[in-house]
Amino acid sequence: MASSDDRPELRALADLEAVIGAVTQEVAAWRRRALKAEAGRAGATPDLSSARERIQELEDENLELHHRLRTARERMEQLLGRLQFLEEQVGLEAPPA
């Protein structure tokens, strides 16, 4: 009878079984954590005050981002105008062909 050292496919199968066992344990642990978290959330009442504060924070952040975007657009338009001016200047100063 051949030992597992003589048959690489048996060694590979044993390795695969070990990996599958480890993955199965990991998935089971994640499932237990998820079930525990869901159970904790089911009994929790929503904190409306915190939700309102978070909404206000997000609205303030949104306004700031709109302001930054507007400023960036204005700066981009200024740079584009300068670039067009420079292109015109280079075109005017180029010697005739």
PDB file of N, CA and C in Angstrom:
ATOM      1  N   MET A   1       0.841  -1.180   0.000  1.00  0.00           N
ATOM      2  CA  MET A   1       0.000   0.000   0.000  1.00  0.00           C
ATOM      3  C   MET A   1       0.890   1.249   0.000  1.00  0.00           C
ATOM      4  N   ALA A   2       0.571   2.213  -0.828  1.00  0.00           N
ATOM      5  CA  ALA A   2       1.392   3.412  -0.987  1.00  0.00           C
ATOM      6  C   ALA A   2       1.057   4.414   0.112  1.00  0.00           C
ATOM      7  N   SER A   3       2.088   5.073   0.614  1.00  0.00           N
ATOM      8  CA  SER A   3       1.862   6.100   1.632  1.00  0.00           C
ATOM      9  C   SER A   3       1.506   7.416   0.949  1.00  0.00           C
ATOM     10  N   SER A   4       1.010   8.383   1.747  1.00  0.00           N
ATOM     11  CA  SER A   4       0.639   9.685   1.178  1.00  0.00           C
ATOM     12  C   SER A   4       1.869  10.426   0.667  1.00  0.00           C
ATOM     13  N   ASP A   5       3.077  10.038   1.156  1.00  0.00           N
ATOM     14  CA  ASP A   5       4.304  10.658   0.668  1.00  0.00           C
ATOM     15  C   ASP A   5       4.604  10.222  -0.758  1.00  0.00           C
ATOM     16  N   ASP A   6       4.138   9.037  -1.129  1.00  0.00           N
ATOM     17  CA  ASP A   6       4.388   8.521  -2.464  1.00  0.00           C
ATOM     18  C   ASP A   6       3.390   9.071  -3.479  1.00  0.00           C
ATOM     19  N   ARG A   7       2.250   9.528  -3.000  1.00  0.00           N
ATOM     20  CA  ARG A   7       1.200   9.970  -3.936  1.00  0.00           C
ATOM     21  C   ARG A   7       0.923  11.454  -3.729  1.00  0.00           C
ATOM     22  N   PRO A   8       1.401  12.279  -4.640  1.00  0.00           N
ATOM     23  CA  PRO A   8       1.222  13.728  -4.483  1.00  0.00           C
ATOM     24  C   PRO A   8      -0.248  14.146  -4.502  1.00  0.00           C
ATOM     25  N   GLU A   9      -1.096  13.405  -5.224  1.00  0.00           N
ATOM     26  CA  GLU A   9      -2.511  13.791  -5.267  1.00  0.00           C
ATOM     27  C   GLU A   9      -3.160  13.614  -3.894  1.00  0.00           C
ATOM     28  N   LEU A  10      -2.710  12.634  -3.109  1.00  0.00           N
ATOM     29  CA  LEU A  10      -3.246  12.462  -1.760  1.00  0.00           C
ATOM     30  C   LEU A  10      -2.769  13.579  -0.842  1.00  0.00           C
ATOM     31  N   ARG A  11      -1.517  14.002  -1.038  1.00  0.00           N
ATOM     32  CA  ARG A  11      -0.996  15.135  -0.267  1.00  0.00           C
ATOM     33  C   ARG A  11      -1.770  16.405  -0.610  1.00  0.00           C
ATOM     34  N   ALA A  12      -2.026  16.604  -1.895  1.00  0.00           N
ATOM     35  CA  ALA A  12      -2.769  17.786  -2.334  1.00  0.00           C
ATOM     36  C   ALA A  12      -4.189  17.749  -1.788  1.00  0.00           C
ATOM     37  N   LEU A  13      -4.796  16.559  -1.785  1.00  0.00           N
ATOM     38  CA  LEU A  13      -6.152  16.417  -1.264  1.00  0.00           C
ATOM     39  C   LEU A  13      -6.180  16.729   0.236  1.00  0.00           C
ATOM     40  N   ALA A  14      -5.191  16.270   0.965  1.00  0.00           N
ATOM     41  CA  ALA A  14      -5.118  16.557   2.399  1.00  0.00           C
ATOM     42  C   ALA A  14      -4.950  18.060   2.637  1.00  0.00           C
ATOM     43  N   ASP A  15      -4.107  18.699   1.832  1.00  0.00           N
ATOM     44  CA  ASP A  15      -3.922  20.150   1.944  1.00  0.00           C
ATOM     45  C   ASP A  15      -5.226  20.881   1.652  1.00  0.00           C
ATOM     46  N   LEU A  16      -5.924  20.430   0.614  1.00  0.00           N
ATOM     47  CA  LEU A  16      -7.192  21.053   0.245  1.00  0.00           C
ATOM     48  C   LEU A  16      -8.215  20.896   1.363  1.00  0.00           C
ATOM     49  N   GLU A  17      -8.265  19.718   1.954  1.00  0.00           N
ATOM     50  CA  GLU A  17      -9.195  19.497   3.064  1.00  0.00           C
ATOM     51  C   GLU A  17      -8.870  20.408   4.241  1.00  0.00           C
ATOM     52  N   ALA A  18      -7.593  20.626   4.502  1.00  0.00           N
ATOM     53  CA  ALA A  18      -7.192  21.516   5.594  1.00  0.00           C
ATOM     54  C   ALA A  18      -7.614  22.955   5.305  1.00  0.00           C
ATOM     55  N   VAL A  19      -7.422  23.386   4.068  1.00  0.00           N
ATOM     56  CA  VAL A  19      -7.804  24.750   3.685  1.00  0.00           C
ATOM     57  C   VAL A  19      -9.314  24.914   3.781  1.00  0.00           C
ATOM     58  N   ILE A  20     -10.049  23.930   3.274  1.00  0.00           N
ATOM     59  CA  ILE A  20     -11.512  24.003   3.322  1.00  0.00           C
ATOM     60  C   ILE A  20     -11.989  24.022   4.773  1.00  0.00           C
ATOM     61  N   GLY A  21     -11.346  23.244   5.631  1.00  0.00           N
ATOM     62  CA  GLY A  21     -11.711  23.261   7.048  1.00  0.00           C
ATOM     63  C   GLY A  21     -11.482  24.627   7.672  1.00  0.00           C
ATOM     64  N   ALA A  22     -10.353  25.252   7.359  1.00  0.00           N
ATOM     65  CA  ALA A  22     -10.048  26.576   7.904  1.00  0.00           C
ATOM     66  C   ALA A  22     -11.042  27.619   7.391  1.00  0.00           C
ATOM     67  N   VAL A  23     -11.359  27.548   6.104  1.00  0.00           N
ATOM     68  CA  VAL A  23     -12.313  28.498   5.521  1.00  0.00           C
ATOM     69  C   VAL A  23     -13.694  28.302   6.136  1.00  0.00           C
ATOM     70  N   THR A  24     -14.086  27.052   6.343  1.00  0.00           N
ATOM     71  CA  THR A  24     -15.378  26.764   6.945  1.00  0.00           C
ATOM     72  C   THR A  24     -15.463  27.360   8.350  1.00  0.00           C
ATOM     73  N   GLN A  25     -14.391  27.215   9.122  1.00  0.00           N
ATOM     74  CA  GLN A  25     -14.381  27.798  10.459  1.00  0.00           C
ATOM     75  C   GLN A  25     -14.445  29.318  10.409  1.00  0.00           C
ATOM     76  N   GLU A  26     -13.736  29.903   9.463  1.00  0.00           N
ATOM     77  CA  GLU A  26     -13.740  31.366   9.321  1.00  0.00           C
ATOM     78  C   GLU A  26     -15.136  31.872   8.952  1.00  0.00           C
ATOM     79  N   VAL A  27     -15.777  31.196   8.007  1.00  0.00           N
ATOM     80  CA  VAL A  27     -17.126  31.597   7.595  1.00  0.00           C
ATOM     81  C   VAL A  27     -18.095  31.453   8.761  1.00  0.00           C
ATOM     82  N   ALA A  28     -17.957  30.387   9.528  1.00  0.00           N
ATOM     83  CA  ALA A  28     -18.832  30.189  10.685  1.00  0.00           C
ATOM     84  C   ALA A  28     -18.646  31.314  11.701  1.00  0.00           C
ATOM     85  N   ALA A  29     -17.398  31.735  11.910  1.00  0.00           N
ATOM     86  CA  ALA A  29     -17.135  32.828  12.847  1.00  0.00           C
ATOM     87  C   ALA A  29     -17.758  34.124  12.343  1.00  0.00           C
ATOM     88  N   TRP A  30     -17.617  34.402  11.056  1.00  0.00           N
ATOM     89  CA  TRP A  30     -18.222  35.610  10.472  1.00  0.00           C
ATOM     90  C   TRP A  30     -19.742  35.557  10.582  1.00  0.00           C
ATOM     91  N   ARG A  31     -20.318  34.388  10.368  1.00  0.00           N
ATOM     92  CA  ARG A  31     -21.778  34.245  10.460  1.00  0.00           C
ATOM     93  C   ARG A  31     -22.245  34.507  11.892  1.00  0.00           C
ATOM     94  N   ARG A  32     -21.530  33.960  12.884  1.00  0.00           N
ATOM     95  CA  ARG A  32     -21.891  34.213  14.279  1.00  0.00           C
ATOM     96  C   ARG A  32     -21.824  35.701  14.593  1.00  0.00           C
ATOM     97  N   ARG A  33     -20.781  36.366  14.112  1.00  0.00           N
ATOM     98  CA  ARG A  33     -20.649  37.812  14.341  1.00  0.00           C
ATOM     99  C   ARG A  33     -21.776  38.585  13.677  1.00  0.00           C
ATOM    100  N   ALA A  34     -22.139  38.183  12.456  1.00  0.00           N
ATOM    101  CA  ALA A  34     -23.219  38.871  11.734  1.00  0.00           C
ATOM    102  C   ALA A  34     -24.551  38.684  12.455  1.00  0.00           C
ATOM    103  N   LEU A  35     -24.818  37.459  12.901  1.00  0.00           N
ATOM    104  CA  LEU A  35     -26.067  37.202  13.612  1.00  0.00           C
ATOM    105  C   LEU A  35     -26.121  37.985  14.918  1.00  0.00           C
ATOM    106  N   LYS A  36     -24.995  38.058  15.609  1.00  0.00           N
ATOM    107  CA  LYS A  36     -24.944  38.825  16.853  1.00  0.00           C
ATOM    108  C   LYS A  36     -25.178  40.316  16.582  1.00  0.00           C
ATOM    109  N   ALA A  37     -24.567  40.823  15.539  1.00  0.00           N
ATOM    110  CA  ALA A  37     -24.742  42.238  15.189  1.00  0.00           C
ATOM    111  C   ALA A  37     -26.183  42.526  14.782  1.00  0.00           C
ATOM    112  N   GLU A  38     -26.785  41.637  14.003  1.00  0.00           N
ATOM    113  CA  GLU A  38     -28.177  41.825  13.595  1.00  0.00           C
ATOM    114  C   GLU A  38     -29.107  41.796  14.798  1.00  0.00           C
ATOM    115  N   ALA A  39     -28.841  40.917  15.739  1.00  0.00           N
ATOM    116  CA  ALA A  39     -29.664  40.838  16.940  1.00  0.00           C
ATOM    117  C   ALA A  39     -29.548  42.134  17.750  1.00  0.00           C
ATOM    118  N   GLY A  40     -28.336  42.672  17.808  1.00  0.00           N
ATOM    119  CA  GLY A  40     -28.129  43.929  18.522  1.00  0.00           C
ATOM    120  C   GLY A  40     -28.832  45.092  17.847  1.00  0.00           C
ATOM    121  N   ARG A  41     -28.837  45.102  16.524  1.00  0.00           N
ATOM    122  CA  ARG A  41     -29.495  46.177  15.775  1.00  0.00           C
ATOM    123  C   ARG A  41     -31.003  46.076  15.863  1.00  0.00           C
ATOM    124  N   ALA A  42     -31.531  44.859  15.939  1.00  0.00           N
ATOM    125  CA  ALA A  42     -32.980  44.670  15.955  1.00  0.00           C
ATOM    126  C   ALA A  42     -33.600  45.311  17.188  1.00  0.00           C
ATOM    127  N   GLY A  43     -32.890  45.266  18.314  1.00  0.00           N
ATOM    128  CA  GLY A  43     -33.433  45.832  19.535  1.00  0.00           C
ATOM    129  C   GLY A  43     -33.136  47.304  19.715  1.00  0.00           C
ATOM    130  N   ALA A  44     -32.306  47.860  18.873  1.00  0.00           N
ATOM    131  CA  ALA A  44     -31.894  49.260  19.026  1.00  0.00           C
ATOM    132  C   ALA A  44     -32.932  50.194  18.408  1.00  0.00           C
ATOM    133  N   THR A  45     -33.155  51.289  19.079  1.00  0.00           N
ATOM    134  CA  THR A  45     -34.049  52.311  18.523  1.00  0.00           C
ATOM    135  C   THR A  45     -33.187  53.351  17.825  1.00  0.00           C
ATOM    136  N   PRO A  46     -33.671  53.855  16.703  1.00  0.00           N
ATOM    137  CA  PRO A  46     -32.861  54.841  15.979  1.00  0.00           C
ATOM    138  C   PRO A  46     -32.701  56.118  16.799  1.00  0.00           C
ATOM    139  N   ASP A  47     -31.518  56.661  16.766  1.00  0.00           N
ATOM    140  CA  ASP A  47     -31.212  57.898  17.483  1.00  0.00           C
ATOM    141  C   ASP A  47     -31.434  59.055  16.512  1.00  0.00           C
ATOM    142  N   LEU A  48     -32.618  59.657  16.601  1.00  0.00           N
ATOM    143  CA  LEU A  48     -32.975  60.721  15.655  1.00  0.00           C
ATOM    144  C   LEU A  48     -32.099  61.952  15.829  1.00  0.00           C
ATOM    145  N   SER A  49     -31.704  62.237  17.033  1.00  0.00           N
ATOM    146  CA  SER A  49     -30.852  63.402  17.267  1.00  0.00           C
ATOM    147  C   SER A  49     -29.513  63.233  16.549  1.00  0.00           C
ATOM    148  N   SER A  50     -28.922  62.060  16.679  1.00  0.00           N
ATOM    149  CA  SER A  50     -27.650  61.800  15.996  1.00  0.00           C
ATOM    150  C   SER A  50     -27.829  61.835  14.488  1.00  0.00           C
ATOM    151  N   ALA A  51     -28.940  61.311  14.018  1.00  0.00           N
ATOM    152  CA  ALA A  51     -29.205  61.309  12.580  1.00  0.00           C
ATOM    153  C   ALA A  51     -29.335  62.743  12.062  1.00  0.00           C
ATOM    154  N   ARG A  52     -30.017  63.588  12.812  1.00  0.00           N
ATOM    155  CA  ARG A  52     -30.177  64.990  12.396  1.00  0.00           C
ATOM    156  C   ARG A  52     -28.828  65.706  12.378  1.00  0.00           C
ATOM    157  N   GLU A  53     -28.008  65.434  13.399  1.00  0.00           N
ATOM    158  CA  GLU A  53     -26.678  66.040  13.437  1.00  0.00           C
ATOM    159  C   GLU A  53     -25.840  65.592  12.245  1.00  0.00           C
ATOM    160  N   ARG A  54     -25.925  64.325  11.929  1.00  0.00           N
ATOM    161  CA  ARG A  54     -25.149  63.790  10.794  1.00  0.00           C
ATOM    162  C   ARG A  54     -25.631  64.403   9.490  1.00  0.00           C
ATOM    163  N   ILE A  55     -26.938  64.544   9.345  1.00  0.00           N
ATOM    164  CA  ILE A  55     -27.485  65.174   8.133  1.00  0.00           C
ATOM    165  C   ILE A  55     -26.977  66.597   8.013  1.00  0.00           C
ATOM    166  N   GLN A  56     -26.965  67.333   9.133  1.00  0.00           N
ATOM    167  CA  GLN A  56     -26.481  68.714   9.096  1.00  0.00           C
ATOM    168  C   GLN A  56     -25.003  68.753   8.733  1.00  0.00           C
ATOM    169  N   GLU A  57     -24.219  67.839   9.288  1.00  0.00           N
ATOM    170  CA  GLU A  57     -22.798  67.774   8.941  1.00  0.00           C
ATOM    171  C   GLU A  57     -22.609  67.525   7.450  1.00  0.00           C
ATOM    172  N   LEU A  58     -23.394  66.602   6.913  1.00  0.00           N
ATOM    173  CA  LEU A  58     -23.276  66.291   5.487  1.00  0.00           C
ATOM    174  C   LEU A  58     -23.718  67.458   4.616  1.00  0.00           C
ATOM    175  N   GLU A  59     -24.772  68.157   5.036  1.00  0.00           N
ATOM    176  CA  GLU A  59     -25.211  69.329   4.270  1.00  0.00           C
ATOM    177  C   GLU A  59     -24.158  70.430   4.300  1.00  0.00           C
ATOM    178  N   ASP A  60     -23.545  70.638   5.468  1.00  0.00           N
ATOM    179  CA  ASP A  60     -22.476  71.641   5.572  1.00  0.00           C
ATOM    180  C   ASP A  60     -21.292  71.259   4.687  1.00  0.00           C
ATOM    181  N   GLU A  61     -20.939  69.978   4.717  1.00  0.00           N
ATOM    182  CA  GLU A  61     -19.837  69.501   3.884  1.00  0.00           C
ATOM    183  C   GLU A  61     -20.173  69.667   2.407  1.00  0.00           C
ATOM    184  N   ASN A  62     -21.427  69.405   2.051  1.00  0.00           N
ATOM    185  CA  ASN A  62     -21.863  69.560   0.668  1.00  0.00           C
ATOM    186  C   ASN A  62     -21.725  71.015   0.216  1.00  0.00           C
ATOM    187  N   LEU A  63     -22.131  71.952   1.064  1.00  0.00           N
ATOM    188  CA  LEU A  63     -21.988  73.370   0.726  1.00  0.00           C
ATOM    189  C   LEU A  63     -20.521  73.744   0.539  1.00  0.00           C
ATOM    190  N   GLU A  64     -19.668  73.262   1.432  1.00  0.00           N
ATOM    191  CA  GLU A  64     -18.239  73.545   1.315  1.00  0.00           C
ATOM    192  C   GLU A  64     -17.674  72.982   0.014  1.00  0.00           C
ATOM    193  N   LEU A  65     -18.075  71.774  -0.334  1.00  0.00           N
ATOM    194  CA  LEU A  65     -17.590  71.168  -1.578  1.00  0.00           C
ATOM    195  C   LEU A  65     -18.080  71.942  -2.796  1.00  0.00           C
ATOM    196  N   HIS A  66     -19.322  72.407  -2.764  1.00  0.00           N
ATOM    197  CA  HIS A  66     -19.833  73.229  -3.875  1.00  0.00           C
ATOM    198  C   HIS A  66     -19.017  74.518  -3.999  1.00  0.00           C
ATOM    199  N   HIS A  67     -18.692  75.124  -2.863  1.00  0.00           N
ATOM    200  CA  HIS A  67     -17.884  76.347  -2.887  1.00  0.00           C
ATOM    201  C   HIS A  67     -16.499  76.069  -3.474  1.00  0.00           C
ATOM    202  N   ARG A  68     -15.873  74.980  -3.029  1.00  0.00           N
ATOM    203  CA  ARG A  68     -14.554  74.629  -3.543  1.00  0.00           C
ATOM    204  C   ARG A  68     -14.610  74.332  -5.039  1.00  0.00           C
ATOM    205  N   LEU A  69     -15.667  73.671  -5.481  1.00  0.00           N
ATOM    206  CA  LEU A  69     -15.819  73.367  -6.899  1.00  0.00           C
ATOM    207  C   LEU A  69     -15.985  74.646  -7.717  1.00  0.00           C
ATOM    208  N   ARG A  70     -16.784  75.582  -7.206  1.00  0.00           N
ATOM    209  CA  ARG A  70     -16.982  76.852  -7.903  1.00  0.00           C
ATOM    210  C   ARG A  70     -15.659  77.612  -7.997  1.00  0.00           C
ATOM    211  N   THR A  71     -14.907  77.633  -6.916  1.00  0.00           N
ATOM    212  CA  THR A  71     -13.607  78.306  -6.904  1.00  0.00           C
ATOM    213  C   THR A  71     -12.648  77.644  -7.900  1.00  0.00           C
ATOM    214  N   ALA A  72     -12.650  76.326  -7.945  1.00  0.00           N
ATOM    215  CA  ALA A  72     -11.774  75.611  -8.873  1.00  0.00           C
ATOM    216  C   ALA A  72     -12.171  75.900 -10.319  1.00  0.00           C
ATOM    217  N   ARG A  73     -13.477  75.967 -10.582  1.00  0.00           N
ATOM    218  CA  ARG A  73     -13.926  76.293 -11.947  1.00  0.00           C
ATOM    219  C   ARG A  73     -13.475  77.690 -12.354  1.00  0.00           C
ATOM    220  N   GLU A  74     -13.620  78.648 -11.430  1.00  0.00           N
ATOM    221  CA  GLU A  74     -13.201  80.015 -11.733  1.00  0.00           C
ATOM    222  C   GLU A  74     -11.704  80.064 -12.018  1.00  0.00           C
ATOM    223  N   ARG A  75     -10.935  79.361 -11.216  1.00  0.00           N
ATOM    224  CA  ARG A  75      -9.480  79.341 -11.414  1.00  0.00           C
ATOM    225  C   ARG A  75      -9.127  78.693 -12.744  1.00  0.00           C
ATOM    226  N   MET A  76      -9.839  77.609 -13.078  1.00  0.00           N
ATOM    227  CA  MET A  76      -9.594  76.931 -14.344  1.00  0.00           C
ATOM    228  C   MET A  76      -9.912  77.858 -15.527  1.00  0.00           C
ATOM    229  N   GLU A  77     -11.015  78.607 -15.419  1.00  0.00           N
ATOM    230  CA  GLU A  77     -11.370  79.540 -16.495  1.00  0.00           C
ATOM    231  C   GLU A  77     -10.309  80.629 -16.637  1.00  0.00           C
ATOM    232  N   GLN A  78      -9.770  81.112 -15.523  1.00  0.00           N
ATOM    233  CA  GLN A  78      -8.700  82.106 -15.582  1.00  0.00           C
ATOM    234  C   GLN A  78      -7.465  81.537 -16.268  1.00  0.00           C
ATOM    235  N   LEU A  79      -7.098  80.332 -15.890  1.00  0.00           N
ATOM    236  CA  LEU A  79      -5.936  79.704 -16.514  1.00  0.00           C
ATOM    237  C   LEU A  79      -6.165  79.454 -17.995  1.00  0.00           C
ATOM    238  N   LEU A  80      -7.360  79.049 -18.359  1.00  0.00           N
ATOM    239  CA  LEU A  80      -7.683  78.827 -19.764  1.00  0.00           C
ATOM    240  C   LEU A  80      -7.579  80.139 -20.553  1.00  0.00           C
ATOM    241  N   GLY A  81      -8.065  81.226 -19.960  1.00  0.00           N
ATOM    242  CA  GLY A  81      -7.962  82.530 -20.606  1.00  0.00           C
ATOM    243  C   GLY A  81      -6.506  82.937 -20.805  1.00  0.00           C
ATOM    244  N   ARG A  82      -5.684  82.705 -19.800  1.00  0.00           N
ATOM    245  CA  ARG A  82      -4.265  83.028 -19.919  1.00  0.00           C
ATOM    246  C   ARG A  82      -3.589  82.174 -20.986  1.00  0.00           C
ATOM    247  N   LEU A  83      -3.953  80.905 -21.025  1.00  0.00           N
ATOM    248  CA  LEU A  83      -3.386  80.012 -22.030  1.00  0.00           C
ATOM    249  C   LEU A  83      -3.772  80.458 -23.433  1.00  0.00           C
ATOM    250  N   GLN A  84      -5.036  80.830 -23.619  1.00  0.00           N
ATOM    251  CA  GLN A  84      -5.471  81.300 -24.935  1.00  0.00           C
ATOM    252  C   GLN A  84      -4.728  82.583 -25.313  1.00  0.00           C
ATOM    253  N   PHE A  85      -4.539  83.470 -24.351  1.00  0.00           N
ATOM    254  CA  PHE A  85      -3.802  84.706 -24.606  1.00  0.00           C
ATOM    255  C   PHE A  85      -2.373  84.383 -25.046  1.00  0.00           C
ATOM    256  N   LEU A  86      -1.724  83.461 -24.320  1.00  0.00           N
ATOM    257  CA  LEU A  86      -0.355  83.106 -24.672  1.00  0.00           C
ATOM    258  C   LEU A  86      -0.282  82.451 -26.053  1.00  0.00           C
ATOM    259  N   GLU A  87      -1.259  81.609 -26.362  1.00  0.00           N
ATOM    260  CA  GLU A  87      -1.280  80.993 -27.693  1.00  0.00           C
ATOM    261  C   GLU A  87      -1.438  82.044 -28.776  1.00  0.00           C
ATOM    262  N   GLU A  88      -2.262  83.057 -28.508  1.00  0.00           N
ATOM    263  CA  GLU A  88      -2.435  84.145 -29.483  1.00  0.00           C
ATOM    264  C   GLU A  88      -1.138  84.932 -29.633  1.00  0.00           C
ATOM    265  N   GLN A  89      -0.460  85.195 -28.524  1.00  0.00           N
ATOM    266  CA  GLN A  89       0.777  85.935 -28.573  1.00  0.00           C
ATOM    267  C   GLN A  89       1.840  85.180 -29.357  1.00  0.00           C
ATOM    268  N   VAL A  90       1.920  83.893 -29.134  1.00  0.00           N
ATOM    269  CA  VAL A  90       2.899  83.076 -29.859  1.00  0.00           C
ATOM    270  C   VAL A  90       2.553  83.064 -31.337  1.00  0.00           C
ATOM    271  N   GLY A  91       1.276  83.013 -31.657  1.00  0.00           N
ATOM    272  CA  GLY A  91       0.830  83.023 -33.040  1.00  0.00           C
ATOM    273  C   GLY A  91       1.114  84.339 -33.725  1.00  0.00           C
ATOM    274  N   LEU A  92       1.019  85.441 -33.007  1.00  0.00           N
ATOM    275  CA  LEU A  92       1.257  86.754 -33.584  1.00  0.00           C
ATOM    276  C   LEU A  92       2.745  87.004 -33.776  1.00  0.00           C
ATOM    277  N   GLU A  93       3.589  86.491 -32.891  1.00  0.00           N
ATOM    278  CA  GLU A  93       5.009  86.741 -32.960  1.00  0.00           C
ATOM    279  C   GLU A  93       5.752  85.768 -33.852  1.00  0.00           C
ATOM    280  N   ALA A  94       5.089  84.742 -34.317  1.00  0.00           N
ATOM    281  CA  ALA A  94       5.764  83.766 -35.164  1.00  0.00           C
ATOM    282  C   ALA A  94       6.127  84.411 -36.503  1.00  0.00           C
ATOM    283  N   PRO A  95       7.341  84.164 -36.983  1.00  0.00           N
ATOM    284  CA  PRO A  95       7.737  84.777 -38.269  1.00  0.00           C
ATOM    285  C   PRO A  95       6.912  84.176 -39.399  1.00  0.00           C
ATOM    286  N   PRO A  96       6.658  84.980 -40.428  1.00  0.00           N
ATOM    287  CA  PRO A  96       5.871  84.474 -41.556  1.00  0.00           C
ATOM    288  C   PRO A  96       6.612  83.340 -42.256  1.00  0.00           C
ATOM    289  N   ALA A  97       5.852  82.378 -42.694  1.00  0.00           N
ATOM    290  CA  ALA A  97       6.449  81.217 -43.355  1.00  0.00           C
ATOM    291  C   ALA A  97       6.716  81.454 -44.802  1.00  0.00           C
TER     292      ALA A  97
END
